[in-house]
Amino acid sequence: MPSDIAKQIVDQIYNDEKAKSIDSVADALGAITFDAIQQGKQDFAKSWGFNPDDTAQGVADELEDQLPDGTDIEYTDVEVDERQPHEPPEAEYETDEQEPEEETDETDS
C-alpha cells in the first residue's frame, strides 16, 4: 500500500498538482502516525499485563454500530415566516376583534 501512495504522490508532482501532492503526503503521514500511536498503545497495555483480547470491546463496538446515529432520519420542509428579528410577530391566533363602543354623552338626559 505505501508504494501506491508513493506512486500517487509522484504522479501528482509530475502533473503539476503540487497542492494535491502536499495534501497526499499529509494524509499519508497522518495515517502512518495514527497506526504507530495505536500500536504504541497496545504495546504499553500489554507491558502492564492488559490483554485487549480479554475485554468486551468487540461487543461494545457491535452494539455501538447498532445504535441509531441520526443519519436515517428523513427531513421535512419547515414553514418559515420570513420575518426579520426586529419586526414584531404577527398574531398567530385569530381573535375576536371588538368594535369600539359608540361614545355617548352621559351628561345628556
PDB file of N, CA and C in Angstrom:
ATOM      1  N   MET A   1       0.807  -1.199   0.000  1.00  0.00           N
ATOM      2  CA  MET A   1       0.000   0.000   0.000  1.00  0.00           C
ATOM      3  C   MET A   1       0.852   1.267   0.000  1.00  0.00           C
ATOM      4  N   PRO A   2       1.968   1.308   0.777  1.00  0.00           N
ATOM      5  CA  PRO A   2       2.780   2.526   0.723  1.00  0.00           C
ATOM      6  C   PRO A   2       3.292   2.825  -0.677  1.00  0.00           C
ATOM      7  N   SER A   3       3.529   1.786  -1.476  1.00  0.00           N
ATOM      8  CA  SER A   3       4.015   2.053  -2.831  1.00  0.00           C
ATOM      9  C   SER A   3       2.927   2.710  -3.675  1.00  0.00           C
ATOM     10  N   ASP A   4       1.664   2.380  -3.426  1.00  0.00           N
ATOM     11  CA  ASP A   4       0.567   3.031  -4.150  1.00  0.00           C
ATOM     12  C   ASP A   4       0.489   4.511  -3.789  1.00  0.00           C
ATOM     13  N   ILE A   5       0.661   4.802  -2.521  1.00  0.00           N
ATOM     14  CA  ILE A   5       0.622   6.200  -2.088  1.00  0.00           C
ATOM     15  C   ILE A   5       1.806   6.965  -2.671  1.00  0.00           C
ATOM     16  N   ALA A   6       2.988   6.336  -2.659  1.00  0.00           N
ATOM     17  CA  ALA A   6       4.176   6.986  -3.214  1.00  0.00           C
ATOM     18  C   ALA A   6       4.007   7.235  -4.707  1.00  0.00           C
ATOM     19  N   LYS A   7       3.442   6.263  -5.420  1.00  0.00           N
ATOM     20  CA  LYS A   7       3.207   6.427  -6.867  1.00  0.00           C
ATOM     21  C   LYS A   7       2.233   7.569  -7.122  1.00  0.00           C
ATOM     22  N   GLN A   8       1.190   7.648  -6.307  1.00  0.00           N
ATOM     23  CA  GLN A   8       0.205   8.716  -6.459  1.00  0.00           C
ATOM     24  C   GLN A   8       0.852  10.086  -6.226  1.00  0.00           C
ATOM     25  N   ILE A   9       1.695  10.188  -5.227  1.00  0.00           N
ATOM     26  CA  ILE A   9       2.358  11.461  -4.930  1.00  0.00           C
ATOM     27  C   ILE A   9       3.290  11.863  -6.067  1.00  0.00           C
ATOM     28  N   VAL A  10       4.055  10.910  -6.592  1.00  0.00           N
ATOM     29  CA  VAL A  10       4.965  11.204  -7.706  1.00  0.00           C
ATOM     30  C   VAL A  10       4.177  11.628  -8.935  1.00  0.00           C
ATOM     31  N   ASP A  11       3.074  10.938  -9.230  1.00  0.00           N
ATOM     32  CA  ASP A  11       2.239  11.314 -10.378  1.00  0.00           C
ATOM     33  C   ASP A  11       1.688  12.728 -10.214  1.00  0.00           C
ATOM     34  N   GLN A  12       1.279  13.066  -9.014  1.00  0.00           N
ATOM     35  CA  GLN A  12       0.736  14.405  -8.786  1.00  0.00           C
ATOM     36  C   GLN A  12       1.812  15.475  -8.939  1.00  0.00           C
ATOM     37  N   ILE A  13       3.027  15.170  -8.530  1.00  0.00           N
ATOM     38  CA  ILE A  13       4.109  16.148  -8.672  1.00  0.00           C
ATOM     39  C   ILE A  13       4.418  16.389 -10.144  1.00  0.00           C
ATOM     40  N   TYR A  14       4.491  15.321 -10.931  1.00  0.00           N
ATOM     41  CA  TYR A  14       4.821  15.478 -12.351  1.00  0.00           C
ATOM     42  C   TYR A  14       3.663  16.020 -13.170  1.00  0.00           C
ATOM     43  N   ASN A  15       2.459  15.972 -12.658  1.00  0.00           N
ATOM     44  CA  ASN A  15       1.301  16.530 -13.365  1.00  0.00           C
ATOM     45  C   ASN A  15       0.993  17.949 -12.901  1.00  0.00           C
ATOM     46  N   ASP A  16       1.952  18.596 -12.261  1.00  0.00           N
ATOM     47  CA  ASP A  16       1.790  19.964 -11.750  1.00  0.00           C
ATOM     48  C   ASP A  16       0.601  20.106 -10.807  1.00  0.00           C
ATOM     49  N   GLU A  17       0.357  19.089 -10.025  1.00  0.00           N
ATOM     50  CA  GLU A  17      -0.677  19.144  -8.993  1.00  0.00           C
ATOM     51  C   GLU A  17       0.022  19.123  -7.634  1.00  0.00           C
ATOM     52  N   LYS A  18       0.874  20.105  -7.443  1.00  0.00           N
ATOM     53  CA  LYS A  18       1.713  20.114  -6.246  1.00  0.00           C
ATOM     54  C   LYS A  18       0.901  20.288  -4.963  1.00  0.00           C
ATOM     55  N   ALA A  19      -0.174  21.043  -5.026  1.00  0.00           N
ATOM     56  CA  ALA A  19      -1.008  21.216  -3.828  1.00  0.00           C
ATOM     57  C   ALA A  19      -1.643  19.889  -3.431  1.00  0.00           C
ATOM     58  N   LYS A  20      -2.102  19.142  -4.427  1.00  0.00           N
ATOM     59  CA  LYS A  20      -2.687  17.827  -4.136  1.00  0.00           C
ATOM     60  C   LYS A  20      -1.629  16.868  -3.603  1.00  0.00           C
ATOM     61  N   SER A  21      -0.399  16.979  -4.132  1.00  0.00           N
ATOM     62  CA  SER A  21       0.659  16.085  -3.647  1.00  0.00           C
ATOM     63  C   SER A  21       1.008  16.401  -2.190  1.00  0.00           C
ATOM     64  N   ILE A  22       0.984  17.674  -1.828  1.00  0.00           N
ATOM     65  CA  ILE A  22       1.236  18.040  -0.425  1.00  0.00           C
ATOM     66  C   ILE A  22       0.132  17.485   0.467  1.00  0.00           C
ATOM     67  N   ASP A  23      -1.119  17.581   0.004  1.00  0.00           N
ATOM     68  CA  ASP A  23      -2.234  17.017   0.770  1.00  0.00           C
ATOM     69  C   ASP A  23      -2.097  15.507   0.907  1.00  0.00           C
ATOM     70  N   SER A  24      -1.660  14.846  -0.165  1.00  0.00           N
ATOM     71  CA  SER A  24      -1.482  13.390  -0.119  1.00  0.00           C
ATOM     72  C   SER A  24      -0.382  13.001   0.861  1.00  0.00           C
ATOM     73  N   VAL A  25       0.709  13.768   0.875  1.00  0.00           N
ATOM     74  CA  VAL A  25       1.793  13.498   1.827  1.00  0.00           C
ATOM     75  C   VAL A  25       1.285  13.672   3.255  1.00  0.00           C
ATOM     76  N   ALA A  26       0.518  14.727   3.490  1.00  0.00           N
ATOM     77  CA  ALA A  26      -0.022  14.968   4.830  1.00  0.00           C
ATOM     78  C   ALA A  26      -0.964  13.839   5.248  1.00  0.00           C
ATOM     79  N   ASP A  27      -1.805  13.376   4.311  1.00  0.00           N
ATOM     80  CA  ASP A  27      -2.717  12.265   4.620  1.00  0.00           C
ATOM     81  C   ASP A  27      -1.943  10.988   4.932  1.00  0.00           C
ATOM     82  N   ALA A  28      -0.902  10.717   4.144  1.00  0.00           N
ATOM     83  CA  ALA A  28      -0.107   9.507   4.364  1.00  0.00           C
ATOM     84  C   ALA A  28       0.613   9.569   5.709  1.00  0.00           C
ATOM     85  N   LEU A  29       1.184  10.725   6.030  1.00  0.00           N
ATOM     86  CA  LEU A  29       1.854  10.874   7.326  1.00  0.00           C
ATOM     87  C   LEU A  29       0.863  10.737   8.480  1.00  0.00           C
ATOM     88  N   GLY A  30      -0.334  11.273   8.300  1.00  0.00           N
ATOM     89  CA  GLY A  30      -1.358  11.150   9.334  1.00  0.00           C
ATOM     90  C   GLY A  30      -1.767   9.709   9.558  1.00  0.00           C
ATOM     91  N   ALA A  31      -1.922   8.956   8.470  1.00  0.00           N
ATOM     92  CA  ALA A  31      -2.316   7.548   8.592  1.00  0.00           C
ATOM     93  C   ALA A  31      -1.218   6.726   9.263  1.00  0.00           C
ATOM     94  N   ILE A  32       0.026   6.961   8.863  1.00  0.00           N
ATOM     95  CA  ILE A  32       1.144   6.217   9.460  1.00  0.00           C
ATOM     96  C   ILE A  32       1.281   6.569  10.942  1.00  0.00           C
ATOM     97  N   THR A  33       1.125   7.841  11.265  1.00  0.00           N
ATOM     98  CA  THR A  33       1.225   8.277  12.659  1.00  0.00           C
ATOM     99  C   THR A  33       0.131   7.652  13.507  1.00  0.00           C
ATOM    100  N   PHE A  34      -1.096   7.621  12.990  1.00  0.00           N
ATOM    101  CA  PHE A  34      -2.207   7.019  13.727  1.00  0.00           C
ATOM    102  C   PHE A  34      -1.935   5.545  14.003  1.00  0.00           C
ATOM    103  N   ASP A  35      -1.486   4.825  12.973  1.00  0.00           N
ATOM    104  CA  ASP A  35      -1.181   3.400  13.160  1.00  0.00           C
ATOM    105  C   ASP A  35      -0.067   3.199  14.192  1.00  0.00           C
ATOM    106  N   ALA A  36       0.960   4.049  14.154  1.00  0.00           N
ATOM    107  CA  ALA A  36       2.064   3.926  15.115  1.00  0.00           C
ATOM    108  C   ALA A  36       1.594   4.209  16.539  1.00  0.00           C
ATOM    109  N   ILE A  37       0.721   5.189  16.702  1.00  0.00           N
ATOM    110  CA  ILE A  37       0.199   5.506  18.040  1.00  0.00           C
ATOM    111  C   ILE A  37      -0.649   4.358  18.566  1.00  0.00           C
ATOM    112  N   GLN A  38      -1.503   3.796  17.713  1.00  0.00           N
ATOM    113  CA  GLN A  38      -2.343   2.677  18.139  1.00  0.00           C
ATOM    114  C   GLN A  38      -1.473   1.485  18.556  1.00  0.00           C
ATOM    115  N   GLN A  39      -0.432   1.209  17.791  1.00  0.00           N
ATOM    116  CA  GLN A  39       0.464   0.106  18.132  1.00  0.00           C
ATOM    117  C   GLN A  39       1.183   0.388  19.449  1.00  0.00           C
ATOM    118  N   GLY A  40       1.598   1.629  19.644  1.00  0.00           N
ATOM    119  CA  GLY A  40       2.241   2.001  20.902  1.00  0.00           C
ATOM    120  C   GLY A  40       1.308   1.834  22.094  1.00  0.00           C
ATOM    121  N   LYS A  41       0.040   2.159  21.911  1.00  0.00           N
ATOM    122  CA  LYS A  41      -0.939   1.971  22.990  1.00  0.00           C
ATOM    123  C   LYS A  41      -1.086   0.494  23.344  1.00  0.00           C
ATOM    124  N   GLN A  42      -1.146  -0.345  22.321  1.00  0.00           N
ATOM    125  CA  GLN A  42      -1.284  -1.784  22.577  1.00  0.00           C
ATOM    126  C   GLN A  42      -0.042  -2.347  23.256  1.00  0.00           C
ATOM    127  N   ASP A  43       1.126  -1.918  22.815  1.00  0.00           N
ATOM    128  CA  ASP A  43       2.365  -2.392  23.448  1.00  0.00           C
ATOM    129  C   ASP A  43       2.436  -1.959  24.908  1.00  0.00           C
ATOM    130  N   PHE A  44       2.043  -0.729  25.192  1.00  0.00           N
ATOM    131  CA  PHE A  44       2.047  -0.233  26.565  1.00  0.00           C
ATOM    132  C   PHE A  44       1.066  -1.023  27.427  1.00  0.00           C
ATOM    133  N   ALA A  45      -0.131  -1.284  26.886  1.00  0.00           N
ATOM    134  CA  ALA A  45      -1.131  -2.040  27.647  1.00  0.00           C
ATOM    135  C   ALA A  45      -0.641  -3.455  27.934  1.00  0.00           C
ATOM    136  N   LYS A  46      -0.010  -4.076  26.952  1.00  0.00           N
ATOM    137  CA  LYS A  46       0.493  -5.439  27.159  1.00  0.00           C
ATOM    138  C   LYS A  46       1.643  -5.460  28.163  1.00  0.00           C
ATOM    139  N   SER A  47       2.448  -4.401  28.187  1.00  0.00           N
ATOM    140  CA  SER A  47       3.556  -4.366  29.142  1.00  0.00           C
ATOM    141  C   SER A  47       3.056  -4.275  30.583  1.00  0.00           C
ATOM    142  N   TRP A  48       1.857  -3.792  30.780  1.00  0.00           N
ATOM    143  CA  TRP A  48       1.260  -3.714  32.109  1.00  0.00           C
ATOM    144  C   TRP A  48       0.341  -4.899  32.393  1.00  0.00           C
ATOM    145  N   GLY A  49       0.341  -5.886  31.522  1.00  0.00           N
ATOM    146  CA  GLY A  49      -0.444  -7.094  31.750  1.00  0.00           C
ATOM    147  C   GLY A  49      -1.882  -7.004  31.288  1.00  0.00           C
ATOM    148  N   PHE A  50      -2.195  -6.026  30.492  1.00  0.00           N
ATOM    149  CA  PHE A  50      -3.559  -5.857  29.996  1.00  0.00           C
ATOM    150  C   PHE A  50      -3.639  -6.454  28.606  1.00  0.00           C
ATOM    151  N   ASN A  51      -4.523  -7.410  28.416  1.00  0.00           N
ATOM    152  CA  ASN A  51      -4.689  -8.037  27.112  1.00  0.00           C
ATOM    153  C   ASN A  51      -5.978  -7.518  26.482  1.00  0.00           C
ATOM    154  N   PRO A  52      -5.882  -6.759  25.398  1.00  0.00           N
ATOM    155  CA  PRO A  52      -7.086  -6.199  24.776  1.00  0.00           C
ATOM    156  C   PRO A  52      -8.073  -7.266  24.290  1.00  0.00           C
ATOM    157  N   ASP A  53      -7.589  -8.485  24.034  1.00  0.00           N
ATOM    158  CA  ASP A  53      -8.484  -9.542  23.570  1.00  0.00           C
ATOM    159  C   ASP A  53      -9.382 -10.061  24.687  1.00  0.00           C
ATOM    160  N   ASP A  54      -9.020  -9.822  25.942  1.00  0.00           N
ATOM    161  CA  ASP A  54      -9.820 -10.284  27.078  1.00  0.00           C
ATOM    162  C   ASP A  54     -10.951  -9.327  27.436  1.00  0.00           C
ATOM    163  N   THR A  55     -11.051  -8.218  26.759  1.00  0.00           N
ATOM    164  CA  THR A  55     -12.087  -7.235  27.080  1.00  0.00           C
ATOM    165  C   THR A  55     -13.311  -7.465  26.209  1.00  0.00           C
ATOM    166  N   ALA A  56     -14.333  -6.733  26.483  1.00  0.00           N
ATOM    167  CA  ALA A  56     -15.572  -6.814  25.704  1.00  0.00           C
ATOM    168  C   ALA A  56     -15.651  -5.679  24.689  1.00  0.00           C
ATOM    169  N   GLN A  57     -14.507  -5.190  24.250  1.00  0.00           N
ATOM    170  CA  GLN A  57     -14.507  -4.068  23.322  1.00  0.00           C
ATOM    171  C   GLN A  57     -15.168  -4.429  21.999  1.00  0.00           C
ATOM    172  N   GLY A  58     -14.993  -5.653  21.532  1.00  0.00           N
ATOM    173  CA  GLY A  58     -15.631  -6.079  20.286  1.00  0.00           C
ATOM    174  C   GLY A  58     -17.145  -6.035  20.390  1.00  0.00           C
ATOM    175  N   VAL A  59     -17.670  -6.499  21.514  1.00  0.00           N
ATOM    176  CA  VAL A  59     -19.122  -6.460  21.731  1.00  0.00           C
ATOM    177  C   VAL A  59     -19.597  -5.016  21.824  1.00  0.00           C
ATOM    178  N   ALA A  60     -18.831  -4.176  22.499  1.00  0.00           N
ATOM    179  CA  ALA A  60     -19.201  -2.767  22.616  1.00  0.00           C
ATOM    180  C   ALA A  60     -19.221  -2.095  21.248  1.00  0.00           C
ATOM    181  N   ASP A  61     -18.270  -2.429  20.391  1.00  0.00           N
ATOM    182  CA  ASP A  61     -18.252  -1.864  19.045  1.00  0.00           C
ATOM    183  C   ASP A  61     -19.458  -2.320  18.235  1.00  0.00           C
ATOM    184  N   GLU A  62     -19.842  -3.594  18.374  1.00  0.00           N
ATOM    185  CA  GLU A  62     -21.018  -4.099  17.663  1.00  0.00           C
ATOM    186  C   GLU A  62     -22.281  -3.389  18.133  1.00  0.00           C
ATOM    187  N   LEU A  63     -22.414  -3.202  19.440  1.00  0.00           N
ATOM    188  CA  LEU A  63     -23.583  -2.506  19.972  1.00  0.00           C
ATOM    189  C   LEU A  63     -23.619  -1.053  19.516  1.00  0.00           C
ATOM    190  N   GLU A  64     -22.461  -0.437  19.455  1.00  0.00           N
ATOM    191  CA  GLU A  64     -22.402   0.947  19.001  1.00  0.00           C
ATOM    192  C   GLU A  64     -22.838   1.060  17.546  1.00  0.00           C
ATOM    193  N   ASP A  65     -22.479   0.076  16.728  1.00  0.00           N
ATOM    194  CA  ASP A  65     -22.880   0.092  15.326  1.00  0.00           C
ATOM    195  C   ASP A  65     -24.385  -0.070  15.167  1.00  0.00           C
ATOM    196  N   GLN A  66     -25.043  -0.718  16.132  1.00  0.00           N
ATOM    197  CA  GLN A  66     -26.482  -0.941  16.042  1.00  0.00           C
ATOM    198  C   GLN A  66     -27.295   0.266  16.500  1.00  0.00           C
ATOM    199  N   LEU A  67     -26.684   1.170  17.243  1.00  0.00           N
ATOM    200  CA  LEU A  67     -27.405   2.334  17.744  1.00  0.00           C
ATOM    201  C   LEU A  67     -27.712   3.306  16.612  1.00  0.00           C
ATOM    202  N   PRO A  68     -28.870   3.975  16.685  1.00  0.00           N
ATOM    203  CA  PRO A  68     -29.174   4.969  15.647  1.00  0.00           C
ATOM    204  C   PRO A  68     -28.247   6.169  15.780  1.00  0.00           C
ATOM    205  N   ASP A  69     -27.772   6.636  14.641  1.00  0.00           N
ATOM    206  CA  ASP A  69     -26.846   7.763  14.675  1.00  0.00           C
ATOM    207  C   ASP A  69     -27.441   9.027  14.072  1.00  0.00           C
ATOM    208  N   GLY A  70     -28.724   8.981  13.716  1.00  0.00           N
ATOM    209  CA  GLY A  70     -29.375  10.168  13.187  1.00  0.00           C
ATOM    210  C   GLY A  70     -29.256  10.331  11.690  1.00  0.00           C
ATOM    211  N   THR A  71     -28.582   9.424  11.008  1.00  0.00           N
ATOM    212  CA  THR A  71     -28.433   9.566   9.563  1.00  0.00           C
ATOM    213  C   THR A  71     -29.610   8.984   8.801  1.00  0.00           C
ATOM    214  N   ASP A  72     -30.463   8.210   9.475  1.00  0.00           N
ATOM    215  CA  ASP A  72     -31.589   7.600   8.786  1.00  0.00           C
ATOM    216  C   ASP A  72     -32.871   8.408   8.940  1.00  0.00           C
ATOM    217  N   ILE A  73     -32.777   9.618   9.435  1.00  0.00           N
ATOM    218  CA  ILE A  73     -33.951  10.463   9.640  1.00  0.00           C
ATOM    219  C   ILE A  73     -34.252  11.212   8.350  1.00  0.00           C
ATOM    220  N   GLU A  74     -35.537  11.196   7.979  1.00  0.00           N
ATOM    221  CA  GLU A  74     -35.954  11.925   6.796  1.00  0.00           C
ATOM    222  C   GLU A  74     -36.349  13.329   7.218  1.00  0.00           C
ATOM    223  N   TYR A  75     -35.820  14.318   6.562  1.00  0.00           N
ATOM    224  CA  TYR A  75     -36.117  15.693   6.915  1.00  0.00           C
ATOM    225  C   TYR A  75     -37.296  16.186   6.093  1.00  0.00           C
ATOM    226  N   THR A  76     -38.128  16.976   6.713  1.00  0.00           N
ATOM    227  CA  THR A  76     -39.289  17.536   6.030  1.00  0.00           C
ATOM    228  C   THR A  76     -39.116  19.045   5.937  1.00  0.00           C
ATOM    229  N   ASP A  77     -39.878  19.612   5.031  1.00  0.00           N
ATOM    230  CA  ASP A  77     -39.815  21.060   4.872  1.00  0.00           C
ATOM    231  C   ASP A  77     -40.432  21.739   6.088  1.00  0.00           C
ATOM    232  N   VAL A  78     -39.850  22.817   6.471  1.00  0.00           N
ATOM    233  CA  VAL A  78     -40.327  23.576   7.617  1.00  0.00           C
ATOM    234  C   VAL A  78     -40.861  24.903   7.112  1.00  0.00           C
ATOM    235  N   GLU A  79     -42.017  25.294   7.632  1.00  0.00           N
ATOM    236  CA  GLU A  79     -42.607  26.557   7.218  1.00  0.00           C
ATOM    237  C   GLU A  79     -41.901  27.698   7.944  1.00  0.00           C
ATOM    238  N   VAL A  80     -41.454  28.662   7.183  1.00  0.00           N
ATOM    239  CA  VAL A  80     -40.727  29.790   7.744  1.00  0.00           C
ATOM    240  C   VAL A  80     -41.540  31.048   7.488  1.00  0.00           C
ATOM    241  N   ASP A  81     -41.672  31.902   8.497  1.00  0.00           N
ATOM    242  CA  ASP A  81     -42.497  33.098   8.324  1.00  0.00           C
ATOM    243  C   ASP A  81     -41.743  34.258   7.684  1.00  0.00           C
ATOM    244  N   GLU A  82     -40.462  34.134   7.513  1.00  0.00           N
ATOM    245  CA  GLU A  82     -39.615  35.099   6.818  1.00  0.00           C
ATOM    246  C   GLU A  82     -39.681  36.506   7.402  1.00  0.00           C
ATOM    247  N   ARG A  83     -39.913  36.633   8.681  1.00  0.00           N
ATOM    248  CA  ARG A  83     -39.888  37.959   9.286  1.00  0.00           C
ATOM    249  C   ARG A  83     -38.498  38.224   9.836  1.00  0.00           C
ATOM    250  N   GLN A  84     -38.151  39.454   9.912  1.00  0.00           N
ATOM    251  CA  GLN A  84     -36.861  39.857  10.443  1.00  0.00           C
ATOM    252  C   GLN A  84     -36.933  39.910  11.966  1.00  0.00           C
ATOM    253  N   PRO A  85     -35.808  39.761  12.643  1.00  0.00           N
ATOM    254  CA  PRO A  85     -35.828  39.766  14.106  1.00  0.00           C
ATOM    255  C   PRO A  85     -36.360  41.066  14.714  1.00  0.00           C
ATOM    256  N   HIS A  86     -36.190  42.175  14.010  1.00  0.00           N
ATOM    257  CA  HIS A  86     -36.654  43.444  14.567  1.00  0.00           C
ATOM    258  C   HIS A  86     -38.141  43.682  14.307  1.00  0.00           C
ATOM    259  N   GLU A  87     -38.781  42.851  13.488  1.00  0.00           N
ATOM    260  CA  GLU A  87     -40.204  43.000  13.211  1.00  0.00           C
ATOM    261  C   GLU A  87     -41.010  42.235  14.253  1.00  0.00           C
ATOM    262  N   PRO A  88     -42.142  42.812  14.690  1.00  0.00           N
ATOM    263  CA  PRO A  88     -42.962  42.082  15.667  1.00  0.00           C
ATOM    264  C   PRO A  88     -43.658  40.902  14.992  1.00  0.00           C
ATOM    265  N   PRO A  89     -43.872  39.830  15.723  1.00  0.00           N
ATOM    266  CA  PRO A  89     -44.568  38.686  15.129  1.00  0.00           C
ATOM    267  C   PRO A  89     -46.035  39.001  14.903  1.00  0.00           C
ATOM    268  N   GLU A  90     -46.573  38.406  13.860  1.00  0.00           N
ATOM    269  CA  GLU A  90     -47.992  38.591  13.587  1.00  0.00           C
ATOM    270  C   GLU A  90     -48.779  37.719  14.545  1.00  0.00           C
ATOM    271  N   ALA A  91     -50.053  38.055  14.687  1.00  0.00           N
ATOM    272  CA  ALA A  91     -50.901  37.273  15.586  1.00  0.00           C
ATOM    273  C   ALA A  91     -51.020  35.860  15.039  1.00  0.00           C
ATOM    274  N   GLU A  92     -50.723  34.895  15.885  1.00  0.00           N
ATOM    275  CA  GLU A  92     -50.780  33.512  15.439  1.00  0.00           C
ATOM    276  C   GLU A  92     -52.185  32.941  15.539  1.00  0.00           C
ATOM    277  N   TYR A  93     -52.989  33.536  16.391  1.00  0.00           N
ATOM    278  CA  TYR A  93     -54.337  33.034  16.592  1.00  0.00           C
ATOM    279  C   TYR A  93     -55.330  34.117  16.203  1.00  0.00           C
ATOM    280  N   GLU A  94     -56.439  33.653  15.670  1.00  0.00           N
ATOM    281  CA  GLU A  94     -57.480  34.614  15.330  1.00  0.00           C
ATOM    282  C   GLU A  94     -58.167  35.049  16.612  1.00  0.00           C
ATOM    283  N   THR A  95     -58.360  36.320  16.741  1.00  0.00           N
ATOM    284  CA  THR A  95     -59.038  36.839  17.923  1.00  0.00           C
ATOM    285  C   THR A  95     -60.305  37.557  17.484  1.00  0.00           C
ATOM    286  N   ASP A  96     -61.258  37.566  18.363  1.00  0.00           N
ATOM    287  CA  ASP A  96     -62.486  38.302  18.070  1.00  0.00           C
ATOM    288  C   ASP A  96     -62.203  39.778  18.290  1.00  0.00           C
ATOM    289  N   GLU A  97     -62.184  40.485  17.198  1.00  0.00           N
ATOM    290  CA  GLU A  97     -61.922  41.907  17.318  1.00  0.00           C
ATOM    291  C   GLU A  97     -63.207  42.597  17.742  1.00  0.00           C
ATOM    292  N   GLN A  98     -63.127  43.325  18.794  1.00  0.00           N
ATOM    293  CA  GLN A  98     -64.295  44.034  19.292  1.00  0.00           C
ATOM    294  C   GLN A  98     -64.315  45.417  18.670  1.00  0.00           C
ATOM    295  N   GLU A  99     -65.499  45.750  18.198  1.00  0.00           N
ATOM    296  CA  GLU A  99     -65.653  47.087  17.632  1.00  0.00           C
ATOM    297  C   GLU A  99     -65.722  48.085  18.777  1.00  0.00           C
ATOM    298  N   PRO A 100     -65.135  49.214  18.587  1.00  0.00           N
ATOM    299  CA  PRO A 100     -65.193  50.206  19.667  1.00  0.00           C
ATOM    300  C   PRO A 100     -66.638  50.630  19.933  1.00  0.00           C
ATOM    301  N   GLU A 101     -66.962  50.786  21.184  1.00  0.00           N
ATOM    302  CA  GLU A 101     -68.316  51.188  21.555  1.00  0.00           C
ATOM    303  C   GLU A 101     -68.547  52.628  21.126  1.00  0.00           C
ATOM    304  N   GLU A 102     -69.783  52.859  20.772  1.00  0.00           N
ATOM    305  CA  GLU A 102     -70.122  54.227  20.394  1.00  0.00           C
ATOM    306  C   GLU A 102     -70.094  55.083  21.649  1.00  0.00           C
ATOM    307  N   GLU A 103     -69.443  56.187  21.519  1.00  0.00           N
ATOM    308  CA  GLU A 103     -69.368  57.062  22.671  1.00  0.00           C
ATOM    309  C   GLU A 103     -70.678  57.835  22.800  1.00  0.00           C
ATOM    310  N   THR A 104     -71.210  57.746  23.947  1.00  0.00           N
ATOM    311  CA  THR A 104     -72.441  58.503  24.216  1.00  0.00           C
ATOM    312  C   THR A 104     -72.150  59.502  25.321  1.00  0.00           C
ATOM    313  N   ASP A 105     -72.726  60.603  25.147  1.00  0.00           N
ATOM    314  CA  ASP A 105     -72.536  61.632  26.158  1.00  0.00           C
ATOM    315  C   ASP A 105     -73.517  61.357  27.280  1.00  0.00           C
ATOM    316  N   GLU A 106     -73.020  60.914  28.396  1.00  0.00           N
ATOM    317  CA  GLU A 106     -73.885  60.535  29.500  1.00  0.00           C
ATOM    318  C   GLU A 106     -74.446  61.754  30.230  1.00  0.00           C
ATOM    319  N   THR A 107     -73.949  62.878  29.896  1.00  0.00           N
ATOM    320  CA  THR A 107     -74.478  64.074  30.549  1.00  0.00           C
ATOM    321  C   THR A 107     -75.790  64.502  29.937  1.00  0.00           C
ATOM    322  N   ASP A 108     -76.051  64.064  28.705  1.00  0.00           N
ATOM    323  CA  ASP A 108     -77.331  64.406  28.079  1.00  0.00           C
ATOM    324  C   ASP A 108     -78.421  63.572  28.714  1.00  0.00           C
ATOM    325  N   SER A 109     -79.549  64.194  29.002  1.00  0.00           N
ATOM    326  CA  SER A 109     -80.635  63.428  29.565  1.00  0.00           C
ATOM    327  C   SER A 109     -81.806  63.394  28.653  1.00  0.00           C
TER     328      SER A 109
END
